[in-house]
Amino acid sequence: MPPGNFSKADVLDGKMYAVLAYLSIFCIVPLIVKKNNAFVLDHGRQGLVLFVAEVATLVISIVFSWALRPFLFVLFGFSFWGMVMAIRGQSVELPVIARIAEKITI
């Protein structure tokens, strides 16, 4: 489904879950509970990719703390951006994250 092409019912029913998708490990909840809602799945997939990237960055930053700190702030910024767009009832294609998220099948 093209970004932003969601039914009004999907958006209204899934806003809370779409926001939850960007809150760290909680990204799994919307993917399980609202797996039939296209709006939630769009945000949930991106939230999952962000979560995995954040965990990987944190693990690597244990060794190279100075190198990845800016990247971690970018990931947190993407999460915030995704939450704002979910609250507004819109979809967002986060750079790089969206292309990876499209390949996830649930």
PDB file of N, CA and C in Angstrom:
ATOM      1  N   MET A   1       0.850  -1.176   0.000  1.00  0.00           N
ATOM      2  CA  MET A   1       0.000   0.000   0.000  1.00  0.00           C
ATOM      3  C   MET A   1       0.898   1.242   0.000  1.00  0.00           C
ATOM      4  N   PRO A   2       0.631   2.206  -0.848  1.00  0.00           N
ATOM      5  CA  PRO A   2       1.441   3.419  -0.880  1.00  0.00           C
ATOM      6  C   PRO A   2       1.358   4.172   0.443  1.00  0.00           C
ATOM      7  N   PRO A   3       2.426   4.849   0.808  1.00  0.00           N
ATOM      8  CA  PRO A   3       2.412   5.584   2.068  1.00  0.00           C
ATOM      9  C   PRO A   3       1.293   6.616   2.099  1.00  0.00           C
ATOM     10  N   GLY A   4       0.637   6.701   3.220  1.00  0.00           N
ATOM     11  CA  GLY A   4      -0.404   7.699   3.391  1.00  0.00           C
ATOM     12  C   GLY A   4      -1.749   7.298   2.836  1.00  0.00           C
ATOM     13  N   ASN A   5      -1.862   6.118   2.255  1.00  0.00           N
ATOM     14  CA  ASN A   5      -3.108   5.664   1.649  1.00  0.00           C
ATOM     15  C   ASN A   5      -3.799   4.680   2.586  1.00  0.00           C
ATOM     16  N   PHE A   6      -4.223   5.169   3.741  1.00  0.00           N
ATOM     17  CA  PHE A   6      -4.850   4.316   4.747  1.00  0.00           C
ATOM     18  C   PHE A   6      -6.281   4.771   4.968  1.00  0.00           C
ATOM     19  N   SER A   7      -7.129   3.818   5.314  1.00  0.00           N
ATOM     20  CA  SER A   7      -8.509   4.183   5.588  1.00  0.00           C
ATOM     21  C   SER A   7      -8.576   4.988   6.880  1.00  0.00           C
ATOM     22  N   LYS A   8      -9.590   5.827   6.950  1.00  0.00           N
ATOM     23  CA  LYS A   8      -9.770   6.660   8.145  1.00  0.00           C
ATOM     24  C   LYS A   8      -9.980   5.781   9.376  1.00  0.00           C
ATOM     25  N   ALA A   9     -10.671   4.670   9.196  1.00  0.00           N
ATOM     26  CA  ALA A   9     -10.925   3.757  10.315  1.00  0.00           C
ATOM     27  C   ALA A   9      -9.617   3.142  10.821  1.00  0.00           C
ATOM     28  N   ASP A  10      -8.718   2.758   9.903  1.00  0.00           N
ATOM     29  CA  ASP A  10      -7.420   2.203  10.312  1.00  0.00           C
ATOM     30  C   ASP A  10      -6.614   3.219  11.107  1.00  0.00           C
ATOM     31  N   VAL A  11      -6.632   4.470  10.644  1.00  0.00           N
ATOM     32  CA  VAL A  11      -5.856   5.517  11.319  1.00  0.00           C
ATOM     33  C   VAL A  11      -6.426   5.778  12.710  1.00  0.00           C
ATOM     34  N   LEU A  12      -7.737   5.958  12.812  1.00  0.00           N
ATOM     35  CA  LEU A  12      -8.352   6.239  14.108  1.00  0.00           C
ATOM     36  C   LEU A  12      -8.194   5.077  15.073  1.00  0.00           C
ATOM     37  N   ASP A  13      -8.324   3.864  14.566  1.00  0.00           N
ATOM     38  CA  ASP A  13      -8.216   2.677  15.406  1.00  0.00           C
ATOM     39  C   ASP A  13      -6.773   2.409  15.838  1.00  0.00           C
ATOM     40  N   GLY A  14      -5.804   2.853  15.036  1.00  0.00           N
ATOM     41  CA  GLY A  14      -4.438   2.449  15.296  1.00  0.00           C
ATOM     42  C   GLY A  14      -3.463   3.520  15.730  1.00  0.00           C
ATOM     43  N   LYS A  15      -3.913   4.747  15.928  1.00  0.00           N
ATOM     44  CA  LYS A  15      -2.986   5.828  16.286  1.00  0.00           C
ATOM     45  C   LYS A  15      -2.147   5.503  17.516  1.00  0.00           C
ATOM     46  N   MET A  16      -2.799   5.051  18.568  1.00  0.00           N
ATOM     47  CA  MET A  16      -2.089   4.762  19.810  1.00  0.00           C
ATOM     48  C   MET A  16      -1.033   3.676  19.593  1.00  0.00           C
ATOM     49  N   TYR A  17      -1.391   2.667  18.841  1.00  0.00           N
ATOM     50  CA  TYR A  17      -0.450   1.575  18.579  1.00  0.00           C
ATOM     51  C   TYR A  17       0.682   2.025  17.653  1.00  0.00           C
ATOM     52  N   ALA A  18       0.373   2.917  16.728  1.00  0.00           N
ATOM     53  CA  ALA A  18       1.409   3.435  15.828  1.00  0.00           C
ATOM     54  C   ALA A  18       2.439   4.240  16.610  1.00  0.00           C
ATOM     55  N   VAL A  19       1.996   5.006  17.579  1.00  0.00           N
ATOM     56  CA  VAL A  19       2.924   5.754  18.431  1.00  0.00           C
ATOM     57  C   VAL A  19       3.751   4.784  19.264  1.00  0.00           C
ATOM     58  N   LEU A  20       3.108   3.771  19.796  1.00  0.00           N
ATOM     59  CA  LEU A  20       3.794   2.763  20.611  1.00  0.00           C
ATOM     60  C   LEU A  20       4.893   2.057  19.818  1.00  0.00           C
ATOM     61  N   ALA A  21       4.740   1.986  18.512  1.00  0.00           N
ATOM     62  CA  ALA A  21       5.709   1.303  17.654  1.00  0.00           C
ATOM     63  C   ALA A  21       7.096   1.939  17.702  1.00  0.00           C
ATOM     64  N   TYR A  22       7.171   3.186  18.087  1.00  0.00           N
ATOM     65  CA  TYR A  22       8.461   3.893  18.115  1.00  0.00           C
ATOM     66  C   TYR A  22       9.084   3.939  19.506  1.00  0.00           C
ATOM     67  N   LEU A  23       8.482   3.259  20.458  1.00  0.00           N
ATOM     68  CA  LEU A  23       8.985   3.275  21.831  1.00  0.00           C
ATOM     69  C   LEU A  23       9.744   1.991  22.158  1.00  0.00           C
ATOM     70  N   SER A  24      10.949   1.905  21.666  1.00  0.00           N
ATOM     71  CA  SER A  24      11.890   0.832  21.984  1.00  0.00           C
ATOM     72  C   SER A  24      11.285  -0.561  21.812  1.00  0.00           C
ATOM     73  N   ILE A  25      11.402  -1.401  22.828  1.00  0.00           N
ATOM     74  CA  ILE A  25      10.966  -2.802  22.754  1.00  0.00           C
ATOM     75  C   ILE A  25       9.449  -2.908  22.562  1.00  0.00           C
ATOM     76  N   PHE A  26       8.719  -1.861  22.880  1.00  0.00           N
ATOM     77  CA  PHE A  26       7.268  -1.888  22.726  1.00  0.00           C
ATOM     78  C   PHE A  26       6.827  -1.944  21.273  1.00  0.00           C
ATOM     79  N   CYS A  27       7.763  -1.851  20.337  1.00  0.00           N
ATOM     80  CA  CYS A  27       7.425  -1.925  18.912  1.00  0.00           C
ATOM     81  C   CYS A  27       6.816  -3.278  18.564  1.00  0.00           C
ATOM     82  N   ILE A  28       7.041  -4.266  19.385  1.00  0.00           N
ATOM     83  CA  ILE A  28       6.520  -5.608  19.123  1.00  0.00           C
ATOM     84  C   ILE A  28       5.014  -5.675  19.388  1.00  0.00           C
ATOM     85  N   VAL A  29       4.541  -4.920  20.366  1.00  0.00           N
ATOM     86  CA  VAL A  29       3.123  -4.966  20.749  1.00  0.00           C
ATOM     87  C   VAL A  29       2.202  -4.632  19.571  1.00  0.00           C
ATOM     88  N   PRO A  30       2.400  -3.513  18.873  1.00  0.00           N
ATOM     89  CA  PRO A  30       1.506  -3.218  17.744  1.00  0.00           C
ATOM     90  C   PRO A  30       1.583  -4.256  16.631  1.00  0.00           C
ATOM     91  N   LEU A  31       2.752  -4.812  16.430  1.00  0.00           N
ATOM     92  CA  LEU A  31       2.901  -5.808  15.365  1.00  0.00           C
ATOM     93  C   LEU A  31       2.129  -7.085  15.674  1.00  0.00           C
ATOM     94  N   ILE A  32       1.911  -7.364  16.929  1.00  0.00           N
ATOM     95  CA  ILE A  32       1.162  -8.561  17.322  1.00  0.00           C
ATOM     96  C   ILE A  32      -0.332  -8.254  17.468  1.00  0.00           C
ATOM     97  N   VAL A  33      -0.638  -7.168  18.170  1.00  0.00           N
ATOM     98  CA  VAL A  33      -2.032  -6.855  18.503  1.00  0.00           C
ATOM     99  C   VAL A  33      -2.824  -6.342  17.305  1.00  0.00           C
ATOM    100  N   LYS A  34      -2.215  -5.504  16.476  1.00  0.00           N
ATOM    101  CA  LYS A  34      -2.923  -4.874  15.355  1.00  0.00           C
ATOM    102  C   LYS A  34      -2.323  -5.278  14.007  1.00  0.00           C
ATOM    103  N   LYS A  35      -2.064  -6.554  13.829  1.00  0.00           N
ATOM    104  CA  LYS A  35      -1.408  -6.999  12.597  1.00  0.00           C
ATOM    105  C   LYS A  35      -2.305  -6.890  11.361  1.00  0.00           C
ATOM    106  N   ASN A  36      -3.591  -6.624  11.542  1.00  0.00           N
ATOM    107  CA  ASN A  36      -4.496  -6.454  10.400  1.00  0.00           C
ATOM    108  C   ASN A  36      -4.737  -4.989  10.048  1.00  0.00           C
ATOM    109  N   ASN A  37      -4.076  -4.073  10.747  1.00  0.00           N
ATOM    110  CA  ASN A  37      -4.236  -2.646  10.510  1.00  0.00           C
ATOM    111  C   ASN A  37      -3.026  -2.151   9.717  1.00  0.00           C
ATOM    112  N   ALA A  38      -3.251  -1.744   8.472  1.00  0.00           N
ATOM    113  CA  ALA A  38      -2.154  -1.338   7.580  1.00  0.00           C
ATOM    114  C   ALA A  38      -1.397  -0.129   8.110  1.00  0.00           C
ATOM    115  N   PHE A  39      -2.109   0.816   8.715  1.00  0.00           N
ATOM    116  CA  PHE A  39      -1.467   2.008   9.270  1.00  0.00           C
ATOM    117  C   PHE A  39      -0.500   1.631  10.387  1.00  0.00           C
ATOM    118  N   VAL A  40      -0.947   0.778  11.279  1.00  0.00           N
ATOM    119  CA  VAL A  40      -0.106   0.336  12.399  1.00  0.00           C
ATOM    120  C   VAL A  40       1.078  -0.479  11.887  1.00  0.00           C
ATOM    121  N   LEU A  41       0.856  -1.355  10.929  1.00  0.00           N
ATOM    122  CA  LEU A  41       1.957  -2.168  10.394  1.00  0.00           C
ATOM    123  C   LEU A  41       3.021  -1.308   9.728  1.00  0.00           C
ATOM    124  N   ASP A  42       2.603  -0.259   9.032  1.00  0.00           N
ATOM    125  CA  ASP A  42       3.565   0.633   8.391  1.00  0.00           C
ATOM    126  C   ASP A  42       4.490   1.254   9.436  1.00  0.00           C
ATOM    127  N   HIS A  43       3.906   1.769  10.495  1.00  0.00           N
ATOM    128  CA  HIS A  43       4.703   2.368  11.563  1.00  0.00           C
ATOM    129  C   HIS A  43       5.431   1.289  12.377  1.00  0.00           C
ATOM    130  N   GLY A  44       4.778   0.166  12.595  1.00  0.00           N
ATOM    131  CA  GLY A  44       5.381  -0.902  13.392  1.00  0.00           C
ATOM    132  C   GLY A  44       6.644  -1.474  12.772  1.00  0.00           C
ATOM    133  N   ARG A  45       6.642  -1.657  11.470  1.00  0.00           N
ATOM    134  CA  ARG A  45       7.839  -2.169  10.794  1.00  0.00           C
ATOM    135  C   ARG A  45       9.006  -1.196  10.929  1.00  0.00           C
ATOM    136  N   GLN A  46       8.724   0.081  10.731  1.00  0.00           N
ATOM    137  CA  GLN A  46       9.787   1.077  10.872  1.00  0.00           C
ATOM    138  C   GLN A  46      10.276   1.143  12.318  1.00  0.00           C
ATOM    139  N   GLY A  47       9.342   1.043  13.267  1.00  0.00           N
ATOM    140  CA  GLY A  47       9.727   1.035  14.677  1.00  0.00           C
ATOM    141  C   GLY A  47      10.604  -0.158  15.012  1.00  0.00           C
ATOM    142  N   LEU A  48      10.310  -1.307  14.425  1.00  0.00           N
ATOM    143  CA  LEU A  48      11.118  -2.509  14.654  1.00  0.00           C
ATOM    144  C   LEU A  48      12.530  -2.333  14.102  1.00  0.00           C
ATOM    145  N   VAL A  49      12.638  -1.788  12.906  1.00  0.00           N
ATOM    146  CA  VAL A  49      13.957  -1.543  12.311  1.00  0.00           C
ATOM    147  C   VAL A  49      14.734  -0.550  13.169  1.00  0.00           C
ATOM    148  N   LEU A  50      14.080   0.494  13.635  1.00  0.00           N
ATOM    149  CA  LEU A  50      14.741   1.468  14.499  1.00  0.00           C
ATOM    150  C   LEU A  50      15.206   0.827  15.799  1.00  0.00           C
ATOM    151  N   PHE A  51      14.370  -0.007  16.384  1.00  0.00           N
ATOM    152  CA  PHE A  51      14.741  -0.676  17.634  1.00  0.00           C
ATOM    153  C   PHE A  51      15.977  -1.551  17.450  1.00  0.00           C
ATOM    154  N   VAL A  52      15.995  -2.338  16.390  1.00  0.00           N
ATOM    155  CA  VAL A  52      17.154  -3.200  16.125  1.00  0.00           C
ATOM    156  C   VAL A  52      18.410  -2.353  15.895  1.00  0.00           C
ATOM    157  N   ALA A  53      18.265  -1.263  15.158  1.00  0.00           N
ATOM    158  CA  ALA A  53      19.406  -0.383  14.908  1.00  0.00           C
ATOM    159  C   ALA A  53      19.890   0.274  16.202  1.00  0.00           C
ATOM    160  N   GLU A  54      18.965   0.669  17.062  1.00  0.00           N
ATOM    161  CA  GLU A  54      19.349   1.280  18.336  1.00  0.00           C
ATOM    162  C   GLU A  54      20.087   0.287  19.228  1.00  0.00           C
ATOM    163  N   VAL A  55      19.586  -0.937  19.307  1.00  0.00           N
ATOM    164  CA  VAL A  55      20.257  -1.957  20.124  1.00  0.00           C
ATOM    165  C   VAL A  55      21.645  -2.257  19.569  1.00  0.00           C
ATOM    166  N   ALA A  56      21.740  -2.414  18.255  1.00  0.00           N
ATOM    167  CA  ALA A  56      23.042  -2.695  17.638  1.00  0.00           C
ATOM    168  C   ALA A  56      24.017  -1.548  17.894  1.00  0.00           C
ATOM    169  N   THR A  57      23.528  -0.325  17.784  1.00  0.00           N
ATOM    170  CA  THR A  57      24.378   0.838  18.021  1.00  0.00           C
ATOM    171  C   THR A  57      24.828   0.896  19.479  1.00  0.00           C
ATOM    172  N   LEU A  58      23.927   0.597  20.402  1.00  0.00           N
ATOM    173  CA  LEU A  58      24.306   0.604  21.812  1.00  0.00           C
ATOM    174  C   LEU A  58      25.341  -0.464  22.126  1.00  0.00           C
ATOM    175  N   VAL A  59      25.175  -1.652  21.548  1.00  0.00           N
ATOM    176  CA  VAL A  59      26.133  -2.731  21.783  1.00  0.00           C
ATOM    177  C   VAL A  59      27.505  -2.362  21.226  1.00  0.00           C
ATOM    178  N   ILE A  60      27.525  -1.835  20.023  1.00  0.00           N
ATOM    179  CA  ILE A  60      28.799  -1.453  19.411  1.00  0.00           C
ATOM    180  C   ILE A  60      29.423  -0.271  20.146  1.00  0.00           C
ATOM    181  N   SER A  61      28.583   0.619  20.678  1.00  0.00           N
ATOM    182  CA  SER A  61      29.113   1.798  21.355  1.00  0.00           C
ATOM    183  C   SER A  61      29.777   1.461  22.685  1.00  0.00           C
ATOM    184  N   ILE A  62      29.594   0.270  23.177  1.00  0.00           N
ATOM    185  CA  ILE A  62      30.308  -0.146  24.383  1.00  0.00           C
ATOM    186  C   ILE A  62      31.804  -0.137  24.113  1.00  0.00           C
ATOM    187  N   VAL A  63      32.175  -0.538  22.902  1.00  0.00           N
ATOM    188  CA  VAL A  63      33.583  -0.556  22.527  1.00  0.00           C
ATOM    189  C   VAL A  63      34.022   0.778  21.944  1.00  0.00           C
ATOM    190  N   PHE A  64      33.204   1.340  21.063  1.00  0.00           N
ATOM    191  CA  PHE A  64      33.552   2.593  20.369  1.00  0.00           C
ATOM    192  C   PHE A  64      32.549   3.678  20.736  1.00  0.00           C
ATOM    193  N   SER A  65      32.558   4.104  21.963  1.00  0.00           N
ATOM    194  CA  SER A  65      31.524   5.025  22.435  1.00  0.00           C
ATOM    195  C   SER A  65      31.519   6.359  21.691  1.00  0.00           C
ATOM    196  N   TRP A  66      32.653   6.859  21.351  1.00  0.00           N
ATOM    197  CA  TRP A  66      32.745   8.165  20.706  1.00  0.00           C
ATOM    198  C   TRP A  66      32.273   8.133  19.256  1.00  0.00           C
ATOM    199  N   ALA A  67      32.370   6.979  18.599  1.00  0.00           N
ATOM    200  CA  ALA A  67      32.117   6.917  17.161  1.00  0.00           C
ATOM    201  C   ALA A  67      30.632   6.891  16.813  1.00  0.00           C
ATOM    202  N   LEU A  68      29.831   6.225  17.611  1.00  0.00           N
ATOM    203  CA  LEU A  68      28.438   6.012  17.221  1.00  0.00           C
ATOM    204  C   LEU A  68      27.430   6.881  17.969  1.00  0.00           C
ATOM    205  N   ARG A  69      27.884   7.676  18.878  1.00  0.00           N
ATOM    206  CA  ARG A  69      26.960   8.516  19.637  1.00  0.00           C
ATOM    207  C   ARG A  69      26.120   9.424  18.736  1.00  0.00           C
ATOM    208  N   PRO A  70      26.701  10.091  17.745  1.00  0.00           N
ATOM    209  CA  PRO A  70      25.857  10.919  16.854  1.00  0.00           C
ATOM    210  C   PRO A  70      24.810  10.092  16.103  1.00  0.00           C
ATOM    211  N   PHE A  71      25.164   8.884  15.701  1.00  0.00           N
ATOM    212  CA  PHE A  71      24.224   8.018  15.000  1.00  0.00           C
ATOM    213  C   PHE A  71      23.058   7.648  15.900  1.00  0.00           C
ATOM    214  N   LEU A  72      23.328   7.448  17.177  1.00  0.00           N
ATOM    215  CA  LEU A  72      22.274   7.120  18.132  1.00  0.00           C
ATOM    216  C   LEU A  72      21.285   8.282  18.262  1.00  0.00           C
ATOM    217  N   PHE A  73      21.790   9.516  18.264  1.00  0.00           N
ATOM    218  CA  PHE A  73      20.905  10.677  18.322  1.00  0.00           C
ATOM    219  C   PHE A  73      20.044  10.778  17.063  1.00  0.00           C
ATOM    220  N   VAL A  74      20.585  10.401  15.924  1.00  0.00           N
ATOM    221  CA  VAL A  74      19.809  10.390  14.681  1.00  0.00           C
ATOM    222  C   VAL A  74      18.682   9.367  14.783  1.00  0.00           C
ATOM    223  N   LEU A  75      18.977   8.190  15.306  1.00  0.00           N
ATOM    224  CA  LEU A  75      17.950   7.151  15.459  1.00  0.00           C
ATOM    225  C   LEU A  75      16.847   7.602  16.415  1.00  0.00           C
ATOM    226  N   PHE A  76      17.228   8.232  17.524  1.00  0.00           N
ATOM    227  CA  PHE A  76      16.225   8.740  18.458  1.00  0.00           C
ATOM    228  C   PHE A  76      15.395   9.856  17.811  1.00  0.00           C
ATOM    229  N   GLY A  77      16.033  10.663  16.985  1.00  0.00           N
ATOM    230  CA  GLY A  77      15.313  11.699  16.254  1.00  0.00           C
ATOM    231  C   GLY A  77      14.301  11.107  15.289  1.00  0.00           C
ATOM    232  N   PHE A  78      14.687  10.026  14.601  1.00  0.00           N
ATOM    233  CA  PHE A  78      13.753   9.336  13.709  1.00  0.00           C
ATOM    234  C   PHE A  78      12.562   8.785  14.497  1.00  0.00           C
ATOM    235  N   SER A  79      12.825   8.235  15.677  1.00  0.00           N
ATOM    236  CA  SER A  79      11.734   7.716  16.509  1.00  0.00           C
ATOM    237  C   SER A  79      10.770   8.830  16.888  1.00  0.00           C
ATOM    238  N   PHE A  80      11.308   9.969  17.274  1.00  0.00           N
ATOM    239  CA  PHE A  80      10.463  11.105  17.637  1.00  0.00           C
ATOM    240  C   PHE A  80       9.643  11.573  16.434  1.00  0.00           C
ATOM    241  N   TRP A  81      10.294  11.665  15.278  1.00  0.00           N
ATOM    242  CA  TRP A  81       9.617  12.071  14.050  1.00  0.00           C
ATOM    243  C   TRP A  81       8.474  11.102  13.721  1.00  0.00           C
ATOM    244  N   GLY A  82       8.745   9.801  13.851  1.00  0.00           N
ATOM    245  CA  GLY A  82       7.714   8.799  13.593  1.00  0.00           C
ATOM    246  C   GLY A  82       6.541   8.932  14.534  1.00  0.00           C
ATOM    247  N   MET A  83       6.812   9.189  15.820  1.00  0.00           N
ATOM    248  CA  MET A  83       5.728   9.362  16.793  1.00  0.00           C
ATOM    249  C   MET A  83       4.873  10.576  16.456  1.00  0.00           C
ATOM    250  N   VAL A  84       5.503  11.670  16.096  1.00  0.00           N
ATOM    251  CA  VAL A  84       4.761  12.885  15.745  1.00  0.00           C
ATOM    252  C   VAL A  84       3.854  12.627  14.538  1.00  0.00           C
ATOM    253  N   MET A  85       4.392  11.961  13.536  1.00  0.00           N
ATOM    254  CA  MET A  85       3.595  11.676  12.340  1.00  0.00           C
ATOM    255  C   MET A  85       2.454  10.704  12.659  1.00  0.00           C
ATOM    256  N   ALA A  86       2.694   9.738  13.535  1.00  0.00           N
ATOM    257  CA  ALA A  86       1.634   8.802  13.925  1.00  0.00           C
ATOM    258  C   ALA A  86       0.524   9.533  14.676  1.00  0.00           C
ATOM    259  N   ILE A  87       0.894  10.449  15.559  1.00  0.00           N
ATOM    260  CA  ILE A  87      -0.105  11.237  16.289  1.00  0.00           C
ATOM    261  C   ILE A  87      -0.945  12.062  15.317  1.00  0.00           C
ATOM    262  N   ARG A  88      -0.298  12.569  14.268  1.00  0.00           N
ATOM    263  CA  ARG A  88      -1.008  13.358  13.253  1.00  0.00           C
ATOM    264  C   ARG A  88      -1.843  12.482  12.321  1.00  0.00           C
ATOM    265  N   GLY A  89      -1.695  11.169  12.415  1.00  0.00           N
ATOM    266  CA  GLY A  89      -2.451  10.255  11.565  1.00  0.00           C
ATOM    267  C   GLY A  89      -1.884  10.119  10.171  1.00  0.00           C
ATOM    268  N   GLN A  90      -0.597  10.389  10.025  1.00  0.00           N
ATOM    269  CA  GLN A  90       0.058  10.319   8.723  1.00  0.00           C
ATOM    270  C   GLN A  90       1.160   9.273   8.759  1.00  0.00           C
ATOM    271  N   SER A  91       1.516   8.799   7.591  1.00  0.00           N
ATOM    272  CA  SER A  91       2.656   7.892   7.517  1.00  0.00           C
ATOM    273  C   SER A  91       3.899   8.700   7.177  1.00  0.00           C
ATOM    274  N   VAL A  92       5.041   8.108   7.397  1.00  0.00           N
ATOM    275  CA  VAL A  92       6.297   8.769   7.112  1.00  0.00           C
ATOM    276  C   VAL A  92       7.263   7.728   6.575  1.00  0.00           C
ATOM    277  N   GLU A  93       8.046   8.117   5.588  1.00  0.00           N
ATOM    278  CA  GLU A  93       9.096   7.231   5.084  1.00  0.00           C
ATOM    279  C   GLU A  93      10.422   7.731   5.630  1.00  0.00           C
ATOM    280  N   LEU A  94      10.861   7.122   6.711  1.00  0.00           N
ATOM    281  CA  LEU A  94      12.129   7.518   7.311  1.00  0.00           C
ATOM    282  C   LEU A  94      13.268   7.100   6.386  1.00  0.00           C
ATOM    283  N   PRO A  95      14.229   7.990   6.142  1.00  0.00           N
ATOM    284  CA  PRO A  95      15.332   7.666   5.231  1.00  0.00           C
ATOM    285  C   PRO A  95      16.030   6.369   5.636  1.00  0.00           C
ATOM    286  N   VAL A  96      16.297   5.526   4.705  1.00  0.00           N
ATOM    287  CA  VAL A  96      16.954   4.225   4.837  1.00  0.00           C
ATOM    288  C   VAL A  96      16.083   3.241   5.626  1.00  0.00           C
ATOM    289  N   ILE A  97      15.523   3.670   6.730  1.00  0.00           N
ATOM    290  CA  ILE A  97      14.711   2.806   7.587  1.00  0.00           C
ATOM    291  C   ILE A  97      13.504   2.263   6.823  1.00  0.00           C
ATOM    292  N   ALA A  98      12.832   3.099   6.048  1.00  0.00           N
ATOM    293  CA  ALA A  98      11.622   2.695   5.325  1.00  0.00           C
ATOM    294  C   ALA A  98      11.928   1.611   4.297  1.00  0.00           C
ATOM    295  N   ARG A  99      13.066   1.734   3.609  1.00  0.00           N
ATOM    296  CA  ARG A  99      13.408   0.713   2.603  1.00  0.00           C
ATOM    297  C   ARG A  99      13.663  -0.641   3.244  1.00  0.00           C
ATOM    298  N   ILE A 100      14.285  -0.639   4.401  1.00  0.00           N
ATOM    299  CA  ILE A 100      14.523  -1.896   5.118  1.00  0.00           C
ATOM    300  C   ILE A 100      13.200  -2.446   5.646  1.00  0.00           C
ATOM    301  N   ALA A 101      12.375  -1.571   6.184  1.00  0.00           N
ATOM    302  CA  ALA A 101      11.096  -1.976   6.768  1.00  0.00           C
ATOM    303  C   ALA A 101      10.154  -2.589   5.742  1.00  0.00           C
ATOM    304  N   GLU A 102      10.201  -2.116   4.502  1.00  0.00           N
ATOM    305  CA  GLU A 102       9.326  -2.654   3.451  1.00  0.00           C
ATOM    306  C   GLU A 102       9.590  -4.135   3.201  1.00  0.00           C
ATOM    307  N   LYS A 103      10.780  -4.592   3.475  1.00  0.00           N
ATOM    308  CA  LYS A 103      11.145  -5.990   3.208  1.00  0.00           C
ATOM    309  C   LYS A 103      10.696  -6.933   4.307  1.00  0.00           C
ATOM    310  N   ILE A 104      10.207  -6.406   5.416  1.00  0.00           N
ATOM    311  CA  ILE A 104       9.759  -7.237   6.536  1.00  0.00           C
ATOM    312  C   ILE A 104       8.328  -7.705   6.262  1.00  0.00           C
ATOM    313  N   THR A 105       8.121  -9.000   6.348  1.00  0.00           N
ATOM    314  CA  THR A 105       6.783  -9.557   6.207  1.00  0.00           C
ATOM    315  C   THR A 105       6.308 -10.077   7.559  1.00  0.00           C
ATOM    316  N   ILE A 106       5.063  -9.747   7.864  1.00  0.00           N
ATOM    317  CA  ILE A 106       4.521 -10.174   9.157  1.00  0.00           C
ATOM    318  C   ILE A 106       3.216 -10.899   8.924  1.00  0.00           C
TER     319      ILE A 106
END
